[in-house]
Amino acid sequence: MPAKRKPANKNKGSEVRKVVVQNVNVPGYTTRVDAAKYGAMRKAMLKVLPRKAPGLTQAEMWDALARVVPKGVFPDRGKVGWWMKSVQLDLEAKKVLVREKTKPLRWHRLA
């Protein structure tokens, strides 16, 4: 009886690089996400957020990011919100962004 062969790995060589992100709302919890998408969203977020208060609301941030994120990385605008929130929570945990104590909530950069 011939030996069973393993199916060829179709994704071999095309592994997605990952980056570890934190969540300011759950200290100590980390998860791994796509590094290219994280990097593109981080760069766009730091571009659109002001350096001082008043910052942007979540809706204002989403509108601004939807206009500036690379279409090649985010062809589906529906994914912009998830990535925005993931990067925003990570940057808050790393003390790069500040959540203002306003209603509605607003965010701005620290530096």
Protein backbone atom coordinates (compact mmCIF):
# COMPACT_ATOMS: atom_id res chain seq x y z
CA MET A 1 0.00 0.00 0.00
CA PRO A 2 1.51 3.36 -0.99
CA ALA A 3 2.26 5.90 1.74
CA LYS A 4 -0.15 8.79 2.11
CA ARG A 5 1.18 12.09 0.94
CA LYS A 6 0.49 15.29 2.75
CA PRO A 7 -1.48 17.81 0.71
CA ALA A 8 0.66 20.62 -0.62
CA ASN A 9 0.52 23.76 1.50
CA LYS A 10 -0.93 26.35 -0.86
CA ASN A 11 0.09 29.21 1.43
CA LYS A 12 3.70 28.10 1.78
CA GLY A 13 5.97 31.09 1.44
CA SER A 14 3.12 33.57 1.68
CA GLU A 15 2.82 33.70 5.45
CA VAL A 16 1.24 36.87 6.79
CA ARG A 17 3.45 38.82 9.17
CA LYS A 18 1.78 39.56 12.50
CA VAL A 19 2.16 42.24 15.14
CA VAL A 20 1.09 42.02 18.79
CA VAL A 21 -1.52 44.57 19.88
CA GLN A 22 -2.77 45.50 23.33
CA ASN A 23 -6.19 46.59 24.54
CA VAL A 24 -6.37 49.50 26.99
CA ASN A 25 -9.72 48.15 28.28
CA VAL A 26 -8.28 44.70 29.11
CA PRO A 27 -4.80 45.17 30.63
CA GLY A 28 -2.46 42.26 29.98
CA TYR A 29 -4.51 40.93 27.04
CA THR A 30 -2.74 40.84 23.69
CA THR A 31 -3.61 39.50 20.29
CA ARG A 32 -1.80 39.18 16.96
CA VAL A 33 -3.02 40.94 13.84
CA ASP A 34 -1.85 41.47 10.26
CA ALA A 35 1.23 43.71 10.41
CA ALA A 36 0.65 45.40 7.02
CA LYS A 37 -2.93 46.41 7.84
CA TYR A 38 -1.97 47.49 11.35
CA GLY A 39 0.90 49.59 10.03
CA ALA A 40 -1.22 51.26 7.35
CA MET A 41 -4.00 52.10 9.82
CA ARG A 42 -1.54 53.34 12.46
CA LYS A 43 0.14 55.64 9.97
CA ALA A 44 -3.22 56.99 8.76
CA MET A 45 -4.52 57.43 12.32
CA LEU A 46 -1.48 59.40 13.42
CA LYS A 47 -1.89 61.55 10.30
CA VAL A 48 -5.55 62.47 10.92
CA LEU A 49 -5.62 62.85 14.71
CA PRO A 50 -4.78 66.29 16.09
CA ARG A 51 -1.95 66.77 18.57
CA LYS A 52 -4.14 68.67 21.06
CA ALA A 53 -7.67 68.65 22.41
CA PRO A 54 -10.31 68.79 21.17
CA GLY A 55 -9.66 65.59 19.32
CA LEU A 56 -11.88 63.66 16.96
CA THR A 57 -14.99 61.69 17.85
CA GLN A 58 -15.18 58.08 16.71
CA ALA A 59 -17.44 59.06 13.79
CA GLU A 60 -15.12 61.91 12.76
CA MET A 61 -12.10 59.61 13.01
CA TRP A 62 -13.82 56.95 10.86
CA ASP A 63 -14.74 59.52 8.19
CA ALA A 64 -11.20 60.92 8.09
CA LEU A 65 -9.57 57.48 8.00
CA ALA A 66 -11.89 56.16 5.29
CA ARG A 67 -10.58 58.95 3.05
CA VAL A 68 -6.85 58.44 3.71
CA VAL A 69 -6.23 54.70 4.23
CA PRO A 70 -4.63 53.01 1.22
CA LYS A 71 -7.30 51.42 -0.99
CA GLY A 72 -4.91 48.58 -1.82
CA VAL A 73 -4.75 47.57 1.85
CA PHE A 74 -8.39 48.38 2.68
CA PRO A 75 -10.46 47.86 -0.49
CA ASP A 76 -13.57 47.25 1.65
CA ARG A 77 -14.57 50.37 3.64
CA GLY A 78 -16.47 48.09 6.02
CA LYS A 79 -13.18 46.84 7.48
CA VAL A 80 -11.92 50.35 8.27
CA GLY A 81 -13.97 50.53 11.48
CA TRP A 82 -12.62 47.28 12.94
CA TRP A 83 -9.02 48.20 12.19
CA MET A 84 -9.55 51.76 13.44
CA LYS A 85 -10.80 50.48 16.80
CA SER A 86 -8.08 47.83 17.13
CA VAL A 87 -5.29 50.33 16.45
CA GLN A 88 -6.92 53.04 18.60
CA LEU A 89 -7.13 50.69 21.63
CA ASP A 90 -3.53 49.58 21.10
CA LEU A 91 -2.21 53.14 20.79
CA GLU A 92 -4.13 54.15 23.93
CA ALA A 93 -2.55 51.23 25.82
CA LYS A 94 0.88 52.35 24.58
CA LYS A 95 0.17 55.95 25.66
CA VAL A 96 0.39 57.34 22.11
CA LEU A 97 -3.27 58.45 22.08
CA VAL A 98 -5.36 60.07 24.78
CA ARG A 99 -9.07 59.46 25.31
CA GLU A 100 -10.62 62.74 26.39
CA LYS A 101 -13.25 62.74 29.13
CA THR A 102 -15.98 64.23 26.97
CA LYS A 103 -19.37 63.17 25.69
CA PRO A 104 -19.10 61.99 22.97
CA LEU A 105 -15.62 60.56 23.49
CA ARG A 106 -12.78 62.19 21.58
CA TRP A 107 -9.18 61.13 20.94
CA HIS A 108 -6.00 63.07 20.20
CA ARG A 109 -2.29 62.30 19.95
CA LEU A 110 0.07 62.86 22.85
CA ALA A 111 3.00 64.04 20.76
